[in-house]
Amino acid sequence: YEGGRFPVAHFDLYRLERADEAFELGLDEALERGAAVIEWAERLGRHLPRHRLDVIMQSDNGETRHARLSPHGAWEGRALAL
């Protein structure tokens, strides 16, 4: 996605068989250029970026959704709000 202050790429890793397949899709280049929204990020295993903000979406009754922010690395200690 172009047009903001930096490019944002979207990756859906649901169908990956191996974590390194994400890099064949251009994940490392996307992170060098800007940011990435990564669905099924846990499939990256040890390859998860050290500096990241996890956004965990949950639904408690099918109608109400909640987002929990979990900062890692350089994101820790930053003020975060939705």
Protein backbone atom coordinates (compact mmCIF):
# COMPACT_ATOMS: atom_id res chain seq x y z
CA TYR A 1 0.00 0.00 0.00
CA GLU A 2 1.56 3.27 -1.12
CA GLY A 3 0.57 6.82 -0.33
CA GLY A 4 1.29 7.22 3.38
CA ARG A 5 4.49 8.28 5.08
CA PHE A 6 5.99 4.89 4.22
CA PRO A 7 4.91 1.82 2.21
CA VAL A 8 2.97 -0.93 3.97
CA ALA A 9 2.94 -4.48 2.59
CA HIS A 10 0.45 -7.21 3.47
CA PHE A 11 1.42 -10.87 3.86
CA ASP A 12 -0.97 -13.74 4.62
CA LEU A 13 1.22 -16.66 5.64
CA TYR A 14 -1.58 -19.20 6.15
CA ARG A 15 -0.42 -21.48 3.34
CA LEU A 16 3.31 -21.45 4.09
CA GLU A 17 4.89 -24.84 4.58
CA ARG A 18 8.26 -23.42 5.70
CA ALA A 19 9.04 -20.13 7.44
CA ASP A 20 11.70 -19.15 4.90
CA GLU A 21 9.05 -19.16 2.15
CA ALA A 22 8.00 -15.72 3.46
CA PHE A 23 11.35 -14.33 2.36
CA GLU A 24 10.84 -15.80 -1.11
CA LEU A 25 7.65 -13.68 -1.18
CA GLY A 26 9.65 -10.52 -0.43
CA LEU A 27 9.05 -10.04 3.31
CA ASP A 28 12.60 -8.90 4.04
CA GLU A 29 12.49 -6.29 1.24
CA ALA A 30 9.11 -5.02 2.47
CA LEU A 31 10.48 -4.57 5.99
CA GLU A 32 13.53 -2.71 4.67
CA ARG A 33 11.32 -0.29 2.72
CA GLY A 34 8.58 0.26 5.30
CA ALA A 35 6.24 -1.87 7.38
CA ALA A 36 4.32 -5.11 6.95
CA VAL A 37 0.99 -6.39 8.19
CA ILE A 38 1.49 -10.12 8.62
CA GLU A 39 -1.40 -12.52 9.12
CA TRP A 40 -0.47 -15.87 10.64
CA ALA A 41 2.87 -14.38 11.71
CA GLU A 42 3.46 -17.26 14.12
CA ARG A 43 4.34 -19.33 11.03
CA LEU A 44 7.59 -17.36 10.87
CA GLY A 45 8.75 -19.01 14.10
CA ARG A 46 12.27 -17.84 14.96
CA HIS A 47 12.21 -15.54 11.92
CA LEU A 48 9.70 -13.15 13.51
CA PRO A 49 11.12 -9.61 13.44
CA ARG A 50 12.61 -8.65 16.80
CA HIS A 51 11.16 -5.14 16.65
CA ARG A 52 7.44 -5.54 16.07
CA LEU A 53 3.99 -4.68 17.32
CA ASP A 54 1.69 -7.66 17.53
CA VAL A 55 -2.01 -6.87 17.14
CA ILE A 56 -4.08 -9.76 18.43
CA MET A 57 -7.72 -9.67 17.33
CA GLN A 58 -10.26 -11.56 19.44
CA SER A 59 -14.01 -11.98 19.40
CA ASP A 60 -15.83 -12.94 22.57
CA ASN A 61 -19.33 -13.47 21.17
CA GLY A 62 -19.09 -13.22 17.40
CA GLU A 63 -20.20 -9.58 17.40
CA THR A 64 -17.73 -7.73 19.61
CA ARG A 65 -14.07 -7.64 18.61
CA HIS A 66 -11.14 -6.61 20.75
CA ALA A 67 -7.59 -5.75 19.74
CA ARG A 68 -4.72 -6.37 22.13
CA LEU A 69 -1.38 -4.70 21.37
CA SER A 70 1.78 -6.56 22.34
CA PRO A 71 5.02 -4.59 21.77
CA HIS A 72 8.41 -6.26 21.22
CA GLY A 73 11.94 -4.85 20.90
CA ALA A 74 12.03 -1.13 20.07
CA TRP A 75 8.23 -0.98 20.42
CA GLU A 76 8.42 -1.72 24.15
CA GLY A 77 7.83 1.32 26.33
CA ARG A 78 6.09 3.36 23.61
CA ALA A 79 2.71 4.86 24.34
CA LEU A 80 0.16 2.85 22.36
CA ALA A 81 -3.53 3.59 21.97
CA LEU A 82 -6.37 2.55 19.68
